[in-house]
Amino acid sequence: MTTTDRPLLGRRGSGLAVWGLRVVALGGVLFAVALPVHSLTMAGGSVPVSMVPGRVPRLRVPGLPSGVTVSAAADAISLDVARLSTGLRLLTEASGVVAALAVAAGAWWLAGVLRSVALGRPFERRNAARLLGLTGAILVGGVLAPILDDLAGFAILDRRGLVDSDSPFVPTMLHVDFAPLLLALVVLGAAEAFRRGAALADDVEGLV
């Protein structure tokens, strides 16, 4: 009995995935460059802020039945400031720039892994390093970028005198999402598997 080991994507599918990831990488770089350039053309900027739970405003929504109200989500408030210094304007875009560069780098490294797999060289040594780079990109984009948003929000609240006890806003300094951490651990495990596969492949070649 013969079995056919068919790849999940195939050569054509892998090729399309590789080029798609490279387009994403290029788009991420262009977006990261465009964000600060755009911020320099504006006088002010916006940052996400969190409001004290007891002071979350209710929204006026017509047609609601008696006893039903709608409030702005505590984690979806945007603070708009008409005029900011150049440094603060750039800081408001730092999170987007870092996230875009992380997406670009991660897409580029993943494209390299898929290309080597499509060429029949899944355990070439560079794949482990590429997956390590992808792990770093996930951490930077998923953990560091939101923290930069928090830092920007705190800086502008502090500059406007809105960090005292009477302020309706809650300064947040460490907004960490655990989902990127878990994903990074999964990719890190894959990097170790590829590293060991490459070492095993080298041992097999040495025996031939």
N, C-alpha and C. Protein backbone atom coordinates (compact mmCIF):
# COMPACT_ATOMS: atom_id res chain seq x y z
N MET A 1 0.85 -1.20 0.00
CA MET A 1 0.00 0.00 0.00
C MET A 1 0.88 1.23 0.00
N THR A 2 0.56 2.16 -0.86
CA THR A 2 1.36 3.38 -0.97
C THR A 2 0.55 4.54 -0.42
N THR A 3 1.24 5.45 0.19
CA THR A 3 0.60 6.66 0.71
C THR A 3 1.23 7.88 0.05
N THR A 4 0.45 8.90 -0.12
CA THR A 4 0.94 10.12 -0.74
C THR A 4 1.00 11.21 0.32
N ASP A 5 2.20 11.74 0.54
CA ASP A 5 2.39 12.80 1.51
C ASP A 5 2.28 14.14 0.79
N ARG A 6 1.09 14.68 0.77
CA ARG A 6 0.84 15.92 0.05
C ARG A 6 1.03 17.11 0.97
N PRO A 7 1.73 18.15 0.53
CA PRO A 7 1.90 19.34 1.36
C PRO A 7 0.57 20.07 1.53
N LEU A 8 0.46 20.80 2.63
CA LEU A 8 -0.79 21.52 2.91
C LEU A 8 -1.03 22.65 1.92
N LEU A 9 0.02 23.35 1.54
CA LEU A 9 -0.12 24.47 0.62
C LEU A 9 0.27 24.13 -0.81
N GLY A 10 1.26 23.30 -0.99
CA GLY A 10 1.76 23.04 -2.32
C GLY A 10 2.71 24.13 -2.77
N ARG A 11 3.43 23.89 -3.86
CA ARG A 11 4.41 24.87 -4.32
C ARG A 11 3.75 26.19 -4.71
N ARG A 12 2.62 26.12 -5.43
CA ARG A 12 1.97 27.36 -5.85
C ARG A 12 1.40 28.12 -4.66
N GLY A 13 0.74 27.40 -3.74
CA GLY A 13 0.20 28.05 -2.56
C GLY A 13 1.29 28.65 -1.69
N SER A 14 2.41 27.93 -1.56
CA SER A 14 3.50 28.47 -0.77
C SER A 14 4.09 29.72 -1.41
N GLY A 15 4.20 29.69 -2.74
CA GLY A 15 4.72 30.86 -3.45
C GLY A 15 3.83 32.08 -3.25
N LEU A 16 2.51 31.87 -3.34
CA LEU A 16 1.58 32.98 -3.13
C LEU A 16 1.67 33.50 -1.69
N ALA A 17 1.80 32.57 -0.73
CA ALA A 17 1.90 32.99 0.67
C ALA A 17 3.17 33.79 0.90
N VAL A 18 4.28 33.35 0.29
CA VAL A 18 5.55 34.06 0.45
C VAL A 18 5.44 35.48 -0.10
N TRP A 19 4.93 35.61 -1.31
CA TRP A 19 4.82 36.94 -1.89
C TRP A 19 3.83 37.81 -1.13
N GLY A 20 2.73 37.19 -0.64
CA GLY A 20 1.78 37.94 0.16
C GLY A 20 2.40 38.48 1.44
N LEU A 21 3.22 37.65 2.10
CA LEU A 21 3.89 38.10 3.32
C LEU A 21 4.90 39.20 3.03
N ARG A 22 5.57 39.10 1.88
CA ARG A 22 6.53 40.15 1.53
C ARG A 22 5.82 41.47 1.24
N VAL A 23 4.65 41.39 0.63
CA VAL A 23 3.86 42.61 0.41
C VAL A 23 3.44 43.21 1.75
N VAL A 24 3.04 42.35 2.69
CA VAL A 24 2.68 42.83 4.02
C VAL A 24 3.87 43.49 4.69
N ALA A 25 5.07 42.88 4.53
CA ALA A 25 6.27 43.46 5.12
C ALA A 25 6.56 44.84 4.55
N LEU A 26 6.47 44.97 3.22
CA LEU A 26 6.69 46.26 2.59
C LEU A 26 5.65 47.28 3.03
N GLY A 27 4.39 46.85 3.10
CA GLY A 27 3.34 47.75 3.54
C GLY A 27 3.55 48.20 4.97
N GLY A 28 4.02 47.31 5.82
CA GLY A 28 4.29 47.69 7.21
C GLY A 28 5.37 48.74 7.32
N VAL A 29 6.43 48.60 6.53
CA VAL A 29 7.51 49.59 6.55
C VAL A 29 7.01 50.94 6.06
N LEU A 30 6.25 50.94 4.96
CA LEU A 30 5.72 52.19 4.43
C LEU A 30 4.77 52.86 5.43
N PHE A 31 3.95 52.05 6.10
CA PHE A 31 3.02 52.60 7.09
C PHE A 31 3.78 53.20 8.26
N ALA A 32 4.87 52.52 8.68
CA ALA A 32 5.66 53.02 9.80
C ALA A 32 6.33 54.34 9.46
N VAL A 33 6.69 54.53 8.20
CA VAL A 33 7.28 55.80 7.78
C VAL A 33 6.22 56.88 7.63
N ALA A 34 5.04 56.50 7.13
CA ALA A 34 3.99 57.49 6.88
C ALA A 34 3.40 58.05 8.17
N LEU A 35 3.31 57.23 9.23
CA LEU A 35 2.69 57.70 10.47
C LEU A 35 3.38 58.93 11.06
N PRO A 36 4.70 58.88 11.33
CA PRO A 36 5.33 60.08 11.90
C PRO A 36 5.35 61.26 10.94
N VAL A 37 5.47 61.00 9.63
CA VAL A 37 5.42 62.10 8.67
C VAL A 37 4.06 62.79 8.73
N HIS A 38 3.00 61.99 8.82
CA HIS A 38 1.66 62.57 8.92
C HIS A 38 1.49 63.36 10.21
N SER A 39 2.04 62.84 11.32
CA SER A 39 1.89 63.53 12.60
C SER A 39 2.57 64.89 12.58
N LEU A 40 3.65 65.01 11.81
CA LEU A 40 4.36 66.29 11.74
C LEU A 40 3.57 67.34 10.97
N THR A 41 2.61 66.91 10.17
CA THR A 41 1.79 67.85 9.43
C THR A 41 0.58 68.33 10.24
N MET A 42 0.36 67.73 11.42
CA MET A 42 -0.79 68.08 12.24
C MET A 42 -0.34 68.90 13.45
N ALA A 43 -1.23 69.73 13.96
CA ALA A 43 -0.89 70.56 15.13
C ALA A 43 -1.08 69.81 16.43
N GLY A 44 -2.03 68.87 16.49
CA GLY A 44 -2.32 68.15 17.73
C GLY A 44 -2.20 66.65 17.54
N GLY A 45 -2.86 65.92 18.43
CA GLY A 45 -2.80 64.47 18.35
C GLY A 45 -3.80 63.83 19.28
N SER A 46 -3.91 62.51 19.23
CA SER A 46 -4.84 61.75 20.05
C SER A 46 -4.13 60.59 20.69
N VAL A 47 -4.54 60.27 21.92
CA VAL A 47 -4.00 59.10 22.63
C VAL A 47 -5.16 58.39 23.32
N PRO A 48 -5.06 57.06 23.46
CA PRO A 48 -6.10 56.33 24.20
C PRO A 48 -5.92 56.54 25.70
N VAL A 49 -7.01 56.75 26.42
CA VAL A 49 -6.97 56.94 27.86
C VAL A 49 -8.09 56.11 28.50
N SER A 50 -7.93 55.85 29.79
CA SER A 50 -8.95 55.12 30.56
C SER A 50 -9.57 56.06 31.58
N MET A 51 -10.89 55.96 31.76
CA MET A 51 -11.59 56.82 32.70
C MET A 51 -11.87 56.08 33.98
N VAL A 52 -11.96 56.85 35.08
CA VAL A 52 -12.34 56.28 36.36
C VAL A 52 -13.72 55.63 36.22
N PRO A 53 -13.89 54.36 36.67
CA PRO A 53 -15.16 53.66 36.44
C PRO A 53 -16.39 54.45 36.85
N GLY A 54 -16.34 55.18 37.97
CA GLY A 54 -17.52 55.92 38.41
C GLY A 54 -17.79 57.17 37.61
N ARG A 55 -16.84 57.54 36.74
CA ARG A 55 -17.01 58.76 35.97
C ARG A 55 -17.14 58.51 34.47
N VAL A 56 -17.37 57.27 34.10
CA VAL A 56 -17.55 56.96 32.69
C VAL A 56 -18.85 57.61 32.22
N PRO A 57 -18.80 58.47 31.20
CA PRO A 57 -20.00 59.21 30.79
C PRO A 57 -21.01 58.33 30.08
N ARG A 58 -22.26 58.68 30.26
CA ARG A 58 -23.33 58.01 29.52
C ARG A 58 -23.54 58.72 28.19
N LEU A 59 -23.80 57.95 27.17
CA LEU A 59 -24.03 58.49 25.84
C LEU A 59 -25.52 58.72 25.61
N ARG A 60 -25.81 59.77 24.90
CA ARG A 60 -27.21 60.06 24.57
C ARG A 60 -27.58 59.31 23.30
N VAL A 61 -28.37 58.26 23.47
CA VAL A 61 -28.81 57.45 22.34
C VAL A 61 -30.34 57.51 22.30
N PRO A 62 -30.91 58.10 21.24
CA PRO A 62 -32.38 58.22 21.16
C PRO A 62 -33.05 56.88 20.96
N GLY A 63 -34.26 56.77 21.48
CA GLY A 63 -35.07 55.57 21.24
C GLY A 63 -34.85 54.44 22.21
N LEU A 64 -34.05 54.63 23.27
CA LEU A 64 -33.83 53.55 24.22
C LEU A 64 -35.01 53.44 25.17
N PRO A 65 -35.39 52.22 25.55
CA PRO A 65 -36.49 52.07 26.51
C PRO A 65 -36.10 52.55 27.90
N SER A 66 -37.08 52.71 28.76
CA SER A 66 -36.84 53.21 30.11
C SER A 66 -35.92 52.25 30.88
N GLY A 67 -34.95 52.82 31.57
CA GLY A 67 -34.03 52.02 32.37
C GLY A 67 -32.84 51.50 31.60
N VAL A 68 -32.73 51.83 30.32
CA VAL A 68 -31.61 51.37 29.49
C VAL A 68 -30.73 52.56 29.16
N THR A 69 -29.44 52.42 29.43
CA THR A 69 -28.48 53.49 29.13
C THR A 69 -27.28 52.90 28.40
N VAL A 70 -26.52 53.75 27.76
CA VAL A 70 -25.31 53.36 27.04
C VAL A 70 -24.17 54.23 27.54
N SER A 71 -23.07 53.59 27.92
CA SER A 71 -21.90 54.31 28.41
C SER A 71 -20.71 54.05 27.50
N ALA A 72 -19.81 55.02 27.44
CA ALA A 72 -18.57 54.83 26.68
C ALA A 72 -17.73 53.77 27.37
N ALA A 73 -17.16 52.86 26.59
CA ALA A 73 -16.31 51.81 27.16
C ALA A 73 -15.11 52.44 27.85
N ALA A 74 -14.76 51.90 29.02
CA ALA A 74 -13.68 52.48 29.81
C ALA A 74 -12.33 52.38 29.11
N ASP A 75 -12.17 51.40 28.20
CA ASP A 75 -10.88 51.23 27.52
C ASP A 75 -10.93 51.67 26.07
N ALA A 76 -11.92 52.45 25.69
CA ALA A 76 -12.04 52.88 24.29
C ALA A 76 -12.27 54.38 24.20
N ILE A 77 -11.64 55.12 25.11
CA ILE A 77 -11.77 56.58 25.12
C ILE A 77 -10.55 57.19 24.45
N SER A 78 -10.78 58.16 23.60
CA SER A 78 -9.68 58.86 22.93
C SER A 78 -9.62 60.30 23.41
N LEU A 79 -8.44 60.71 23.85
CA LEU A 79 -8.23 62.10 24.30
C LEU A 79 -7.61 62.88 23.14
N ASP A 80 -8.35 63.86 22.64
CA ASP A 80 -7.88 64.67 21.51
C ASP A 80 -7.37 66.01 22.02
N VAL A 81 -6.16 66.37 21.64
CA VAL A 81 -5.54 67.63 22.05
C VAL A 81 -5.27 68.44 20.79
N ALA A 82 -5.74 69.70 20.80
CA ALA A 82 -5.67 70.53 19.59
C ALA A 82 -4.23 70.85 19.19
N ARG A 83 -3.36 71.13 20.17
CA ARG A 83 -1.98 71.51 19.84
C ARG A 83 -1.02 70.76 20.76
N LEU A 84 0.00 70.16 20.15
CA LEU A 84 1.02 69.44 20.89
C LEU A 84 2.39 69.80 20.34
N SER A 85 3.42 69.62 21.18
CA SER A 85 4.78 69.83 20.71
C SER A 85 5.15 68.73 19.72
N THR A 86 6.20 68.97 18.97
CA THR A 86 6.63 67.98 17.97
C THR A 86 6.95 66.64 18.62
N GLY A 87 7.63 66.68 19.76
CA GLY A 87 7.99 65.44 20.44
C GLY A 87 6.77 64.64 20.86
N LEU A 88 5.77 65.31 21.41
CA LEU A 88 4.56 64.61 21.85
C LEU A 88 3.76 64.10 20.66
N ARG A 89 3.75 64.86 19.57
CA ARG A 89 3.05 64.38 18.37
C ARG A 89 3.68 63.09 17.87
N LEU A 90 5.01 63.05 17.85
CA LEU A 90 5.68 61.83 17.42
C LEU A 90 5.44 60.70 18.41
N LEU A 91 5.36 61.03 19.70
CA LEU A 91 5.12 60.00 20.71
C LEU A 91 3.74 59.37 20.55
N THR A 92 2.75 60.17 20.12
CA THR A 92 1.41 59.61 19.93
C THR A 92 1.39 58.57 18.81
N GLU A 93 2.34 58.64 17.89
CA GLU A 93 2.38 57.68 16.78
C GLU A 93 3.40 56.56 17.01
N ALA A 94 4.12 56.60 18.15
CA ALA A 94 5.18 55.62 18.38
C ALA A 94 4.64 54.19 18.40
N SER A 95 3.48 54.00 19.04
CA SER A 95 2.91 52.66 19.11
C SER A 95 2.59 52.11 17.72
N GLY A 96 1.98 52.94 16.87
CA GLY A 96 1.66 52.49 15.52
C GLY A 96 2.89 52.19 14.70
N VAL A 97 3.95 53.01 14.86
CA VAL A 97 5.19 52.78 14.12
C VAL A 97 5.82 51.46 14.55
N VAL A 98 5.92 51.24 15.85
CA VAL A 98 6.54 50.01 16.35
C VAL A 98 5.73 48.79 15.92
N ALA A 99 4.40 48.88 16.02
CA ALA A 99 3.55 47.75 15.62
C ALA A 99 3.71 47.46 14.13
N ALA A 100 3.75 48.50 13.30
CA ALA A 100 3.89 48.30 11.85
C ALA A 100 5.24 47.66 11.51
N LEU A 101 6.31 48.12 12.16
CA LEU A 101 7.62 47.53 11.91
C LEU A 101 7.67 46.09 12.40
N ALA A 102 7.00 45.79 13.51
CA ALA A 102 6.96 44.42 14.00
C ALA A 102 6.23 43.51 13.02
N VAL A 103 5.12 44.00 12.47
CA VAL A 103 4.38 43.22 11.47
C VAL A 103 5.25 43.00 10.23
N ALA A 104 5.95 44.04 9.80
CA ALA A 104 6.80 43.93 8.61
C ALA A 104 7.91 42.91 8.83
N ALA A 105 8.59 42.99 9.98
CA ALA A 105 9.68 42.06 10.26
C ALA A 105 9.17 40.64 10.40
N GLY A 106 8.05 40.47 11.13
CA GLY A 106 7.51 39.14 11.31
C GLY A 106 7.07 38.51 9.99
N ALA A 107 6.43 39.30 9.13
CA ALA A 107 6.00 38.79 7.83
C ALA A 107 7.20 38.39 6.97
N TRP A 108 8.27 39.20 7.02
CA TRP A 108 9.46 38.90 6.22
C TRP A 108 10.11 37.59 6.68
N TRP A 109 10.26 37.42 7.99
CA TRP A 109 10.88 36.19 8.50
C TRP A 109 10.01 34.97 8.24
N LEU A 110 8.69 35.12 8.40
CA LEU A 110 7.81 33.99 8.12
C LEU A 110 7.82 33.63 6.65
N ALA A 111 7.95 34.62 5.77
CA ALA A 111 8.05 34.35 4.33
C ALA A 111 9.30 33.52 4.03
N GLY A 112 10.41 33.82 4.72
CA GLY A 112 11.62 33.03 4.53
C GLY A 112 11.44 31.59 4.94
N VAL A 113 10.72 31.36 6.04
CA VAL A 113 10.47 29.98 6.49
C VAL A 113 9.61 29.24 5.47
N LEU A 114 8.54 29.87 5.01
CA LEU A 114 7.65 29.22 4.05
C LEU A 114 8.37 28.93 2.73
N ARG A 115 9.25 29.83 2.33
CA ARG A 115 9.97 29.63 1.07
C ARG A 115 10.91 28.43 1.17
N SER A 116 11.61 28.30 2.29
CA SER A 116 12.52 27.17 2.44
C SER A 116 11.75 25.86 2.52
N VAL A 117 10.57 25.88 3.16
CA VAL A 117 9.75 24.67 3.22
C VAL A 117 9.27 24.29 1.83
N ALA A 118 8.86 25.29 1.04
CA ALA A 118 8.39 25.01 -0.32
C ALA A 118 9.50 24.45 -1.19
N LEU A 119 10.74 24.84 -0.91
CA LEU A 119 11.88 24.33 -1.68
C LEU A 119 12.39 23.00 -1.17
N GLY A 120 11.72 22.44 -0.16
CA GLY A 120 12.12 21.14 0.36
C GLY A 120 13.27 21.20 1.35
N ARG A 121 13.51 22.37 1.94
CA ARG A 121 14.59 22.51 2.93
C ARG A 121 14.01 23.06 4.24
N PRO A 122 13.09 22.33 4.86
CA PRO A 122 12.43 22.87 6.06
C PRO A 122 13.36 23.05 7.25
N PHE A 123 14.44 22.24 7.29
CA PHE A 123 15.31 22.30 8.46
C PHE A 123 16.64 22.98 8.18
N GLU A 124 16.63 23.93 7.26
CA GLU A 124 17.86 24.69 7.10
C GLU A 124 18.07 25.57 8.33
N ARG A 125 19.32 25.81 8.67
CA ARG A 125 19.64 26.43 9.95
C ARG A 125 19.03 27.82 10.12
N ARG A 126 18.85 28.55 9.02
CA ARG A 126 18.33 29.91 9.14
C ARG A 126 16.88 29.95 9.62
N ASN A 127 16.14 28.85 9.47
CA ASN A 127 14.73 28.86 9.88
C ASN A 127 14.57 29.02 11.38
N ALA A 128 15.44 28.41 12.16
CA ALA A 128 15.35 28.58 13.60
C ALA A 128 15.57 30.04 13.98
N ALA A 129 16.55 30.68 13.34
CA ALA A 129 16.81 32.10 13.61
C ALA A 129 15.63 32.96 13.14
N ARG A 130 15.04 32.60 12.00
CA ARG A 130 13.89 33.36 11.51
C ARG A 130 12.72 33.27 12.49
N LEU A 131 12.48 32.09 13.04
CA LEU A 131 11.39 31.93 13.99
C LEU A 131 11.69 32.65 15.31
N LEU A 132 12.95 32.70 15.68
CA LEU A 132 13.32 33.51 16.85
C LEU A 132 13.03 34.99 16.59
N GLY A 133 13.35 35.43 15.37
CA GLY A 133 13.02 36.81 15.00
C GLY A 133 11.52 37.05 15.02
N LEU A 134 10.75 36.07 14.55
CA LEU A 134 9.29 36.20 14.58
C LEU A 134 8.78 36.28 16.01
N THR A 135 9.40 35.51 16.91
CA THR A 135 9.03 35.58 18.33
C THR A 135 9.25 36.99 18.87
N GLY A 136 10.41 37.57 18.54
CA GLY A 136 10.69 38.93 18.98
C GLY A 136 9.71 39.93 18.39
N ALA A 137 9.34 39.74 17.12
CA ALA A 137 8.39 40.66 16.49
C ALA A 137 7.02 40.60 17.17
N ILE A 138 6.60 39.40 17.56
CA ILE A 138 5.31 39.25 18.25
C ILE A 138 5.34 39.98 19.59
N LEU A 139 6.47 39.83 20.32
CA LEU A 139 6.58 40.50 21.62
C LEU A 139 6.62 42.02 21.46
N VAL A 140 7.35 42.48 20.46
CA VAL A 140 7.45 43.93 20.25
C VAL A 140 6.09 44.51 19.84
N GLY A 141 5.44 43.87 18.87
CA GLY A 141 4.17 44.39 18.39
C GLY A 141 3.02 44.19 19.35
N GLY A 142 3.03 43.07 20.09
CA GLY A 142 1.91 42.76 20.96
C GLY A 142 2.05 43.24 22.38
N VAL A 143 3.27 43.48 22.84
CA VAL A 143 3.49 43.88 24.23
C VAL A 143 4.06 45.29 24.32
N LEU A 144 5.14 45.56 23.57
CA LEU A 144 5.78 46.86 23.67
C LEU A 144 4.91 47.98 23.09
N ALA A 145 4.26 47.73 21.95
CA ALA A 145 3.45 48.78 21.32
C ALA A 145 2.33 49.30 22.22
N PRO A 146 1.54 48.42 22.88
CA PRO A 146 0.52 48.96 23.80
C PRO A 146 1.11 49.73 24.97
N ILE A 147 2.29 49.32 25.46
CA ILE A 147 2.93 50.06 26.55
C ILE A 147 3.32 51.46 26.08
N LEU A 148 3.77 51.58 24.84
CA LEU A 148 4.09 52.91 24.30
C LEU A 148 2.84 53.79 24.23
N ASP A 149 1.69 53.18 23.92
CA ASP A 149 0.43 53.94 23.95
C ASP A 149 0.15 54.46 25.35
N ASP A 150 0.38 53.60 26.36
CA ASP A 150 0.17 54.02 27.74
C ASP A 150 1.11 55.16 28.12
N LEU A 151 2.37 55.05 27.71
CA LEU A 151 3.34 56.11 28.01
C LEU A 151 2.95 57.43 27.36
N ALA A 152 2.48 57.36 26.12
CA ALA A 152 2.06 58.58 25.43
C ALA A 152 0.86 59.19 26.14
N GLY A 153 -0.10 58.35 26.53
CA GLY A 153 -1.27 58.86 27.23
C GLY A 153 -0.89 59.52 28.55
N PHE A 154 0.01 58.88 29.30
CA PHE A 154 0.43 59.45 30.58
C PHE A 154 1.16 60.77 30.37
N ALA A 155 2.02 60.83 29.36
CA ALA A 155 2.77 62.06 29.11
C ALA A 155 1.85 63.23 28.80
N ILE A 156 0.82 63.00 27.99
CA ILE A 156 -0.08 64.09 27.63
C ILE A 156 -1.00 64.45 28.80
N LEU A 157 -1.46 63.45 29.54
CA LEU A 157 -2.25 63.76 30.73
C LEU A 157 -1.44 64.57 31.73
N ASP A 158 -0.19 64.19 31.90
CA ASP A 158 0.68 64.92 32.82
C ASP A 158 0.93 66.34 32.32
N ARG A 159 1.15 66.51 31.01
CA ARG A 159 1.40 67.84 30.46
C ARG A 159 0.17 68.74 30.62
N ARG A 160 -1.03 68.14 30.59
CA ARG A 160 -2.26 68.93 30.72
C ARG A 160 -2.76 69.00 32.17
N GLY A 161 -1.99 68.48 33.12
CA GLY A 161 -2.39 68.54 34.52
C GLY A 161 -3.58 67.67 34.86
N LEU A 162 -3.67 66.50 34.23
CA LEU A 162 -4.82 65.62 34.42
C LEU A 162 -4.43 64.29 35.08
N VAL A 163 -3.44 64.34 35.98
CA VAL A 163 -3.02 63.11 36.65
C VAL A 163 -3.22 63.19 38.16
N ASP A 164 -3.85 64.26 38.66
CA ASP A 164 -4.07 64.36 40.11
C ASP A 164 -5.29 63.54 40.51
N SER A 165 -5.60 63.58 41.80
CA SER A 165 -6.69 62.75 42.34
C SER A 165 -8.06 63.19 41.84
N ASP A 166 -8.19 64.43 41.40
CA ASP A 166 -9.48 64.93 40.91
C ASP A 166 -9.69 64.66 39.42
N SER A 167 -8.72 64.08 38.77
CA SER A 167 -8.83 63.84 37.33
C SER A 167 -9.82 62.71 37.04
N PRO A 168 -10.62 62.84 35.99
CA PRO A 168 -11.53 61.75 35.62
C PRO A 168 -10.83 60.60 34.91
N PHE A 169 -9.53 60.74 34.69
CA PHE A 169 -8.79 59.71 33.94
C PHE A 169 -7.90 58.90 34.87
N VAL A 170 -7.68 57.64 34.48
CA VAL A 170 -6.80 56.74 35.22
C VAL A 170 -5.54 56.54 34.41
N PRO A 171 -4.39 57.02 34.89
CA PRO A 171 -3.14 56.77 34.16
C PRO A 171 -2.78 55.28 34.20
N THR A 172 -2.60 54.66 33.05
CA THR A 172 -2.21 53.26 32.97
C THR A 172 -0.82 53.18 32.37
N MET A 173 0.08 52.45 33.05
CA MET A 173 1.47 52.38 32.61
C MET A 173 1.86 51.02 32.06
N LEU A 174 1.15 49.98 32.46
CA LEU A 174 1.51 48.64 32.01
C LEU A 174 0.27 47.92 31.52
N HIS A 175 -0.06 48.16 30.25
CA HIS A 175 -1.20 47.50 29.63
C HIS A 175 -0.68 46.30 28.85
N VAL A 176 -0.61 45.14 29.51
CA VAL A 176 0.01 43.95 28.92
C VAL A 176 -1.08 42.95 28.55
N ASP A 177 -1.06 42.51 27.30
CA ASP A 177 -1.98 41.50 26.81
C ASP A 177 -1.25 40.16 26.82
N PHE A 178 -1.86 39.15 27.43
CA PHE A 178 -1.20 37.86 27.56
C PHE A 178 -1.29 37.01 26.29
N ALA A 179 -2.20 37.32 25.39
CA ALA A 179 -2.32 36.54 24.15
C ALA A 179 -1.04 36.57 23.32
N PRO A 180 -0.41 37.75 23.09
CA PRO A 180 0.86 37.74 22.36
C PRO A 180 1.95 36.96 23.09
N LEU A 181 1.95 36.98 24.41
CA LEU A 181 2.95 36.21 25.16
C LEU A 181 2.79 34.71 24.90
N LEU A 182 1.55 34.24 24.91
CA LEU A 182 1.31 32.83 24.64
C LEU A 182 1.70 32.47 23.20
N LEU A 183 1.34 33.34 22.25
CA LEU A 183 1.70 33.09 20.85
C LEU A 183 3.22 33.07 20.68
N ALA A 184 3.91 33.98 21.36
CA ALA A 184 5.37 34.01 21.29
C ALA A 184 5.98 32.72 21.82
N LEU A 185 5.40 32.17 22.89
CA LEU A 185 5.90 30.91 23.43
C LEU A 185 5.70 29.76 22.44
N VAL A 186 4.56 29.77 21.74
CA VAL A 186 4.32 28.73 20.73
C VAL A 186 5.35 28.82 19.61
N VAL A 187 5.60 30.03 19.11
CA VAL A 187 6.57 30.20 18.03
C VAL A 187 7.98 29.87 18.52
N LEU A 188 8.27 30.21 19.77
CA LEU A 188 9.57 29.86 20.33
C LEU A 188 9.76 28.35 20.39
N GLY A 189 8.69 27.63 20.74
CA GLY A 189 8.76 26.17 20.72
C GLY A 189 9.00 25.64 19.32
N ALA A 190 8.35 26.26 18.32
CA ALA A 190 8.59 25.85 16.93
C ALA A 190 10.03 26.14 16.52
N ALA A 191 10.59 27.25 16.97
CA ALA A 191 11.98 27.58 16.65
C ALA A 191 12.92 26.53 17.21
N GLU A 192 12.64 26.07 18.44
CA GLU A 192 13.49 25.03 19.03
C GLU A 192 13.35 23.71 18.27
N ALA A 193 12.12 23.41 17.83
CA ALA A 193 11.92 22.18 17.04
C ALA A 193 12.68 22.25 15.72
N PHE A 194 12.66 23.41 15.06
CA PHE A 194 13.40 23.57 13.81
C PHE A 194 14.91 23.49 14.06
N ARG A 195 15.36 24.04 15.19
CA ARG A 195 16.80 23.98 15.50
C ARG A 195 17.25 22.53 15.69
N ARG A 196 16.46 21.75 16.42
CA ARG A 196 16.82 20.36 16.63
C ARG A 196 16.70 19.55 15.34
N GLY A 197 15.71 19.90 14.51
CA GLY A 197 15.59 19.23 13.22
C GLY A 197 16.79 19.49 12.34
N ALA A 198 17.29 20.74 12.36
CA ALA A 198 18.48 21.07 11.57
C ALA A 198 19.70 20.31 12.08
N ALA A 199 19.82 20.20 13.41
CA ALA A 199 20.95 19.45 13.98
C ALA A 199 20.86 17.98 13.61
N LEU A 200 19.66 17.42 13.65
CA LEU A 200 19.47 16.01 13.27
C LEU A 200 19.78 15.79 11.80
N ALA A 201 19.36 16.75 10.96
CA ALA A 201 19.65 16.63 9.53
C ALA A 201 21.15 16.66 9.28
N ASP A 202 21.88 17.49 10.01
CA ASP A 202 23.33 17.54 9.86
C ASP A 202 23.96 16.21 10.29
N ASP A 203 23.44 15.61 11.36
CA ASP A 203 23.98 14.33 11.82
C ASP A 203 23.75 13.24 10.78
N VAL A 204 22.55 13.26 10.18
CA VAL A 204 22.23 12.24 9.16
C VAL A 204 23.14 12.40 7.95
N GLU A 205 23.36 13.65 7.53
CA GLU A 205 24.25 13.88 6.40
C GLU A 205 25.67 13.42 6.71
N GLY A 206 26.10 13.57 7.98
CA GLY A 206 27.43 13.14 8.35
C GLY A 206 27.60 11.65 8.32
N LEU A 207 26.51 10.90 8.47
CA LEU A 207 26.57 9.44 8.46
C LEU A 207 26.53 8.89 7.05
N VAL A 208 26.09 9.69 6.10
CA VAL A 208 25.97 9.19 4.71
C VAL A 208 27.33 9.22 4.03
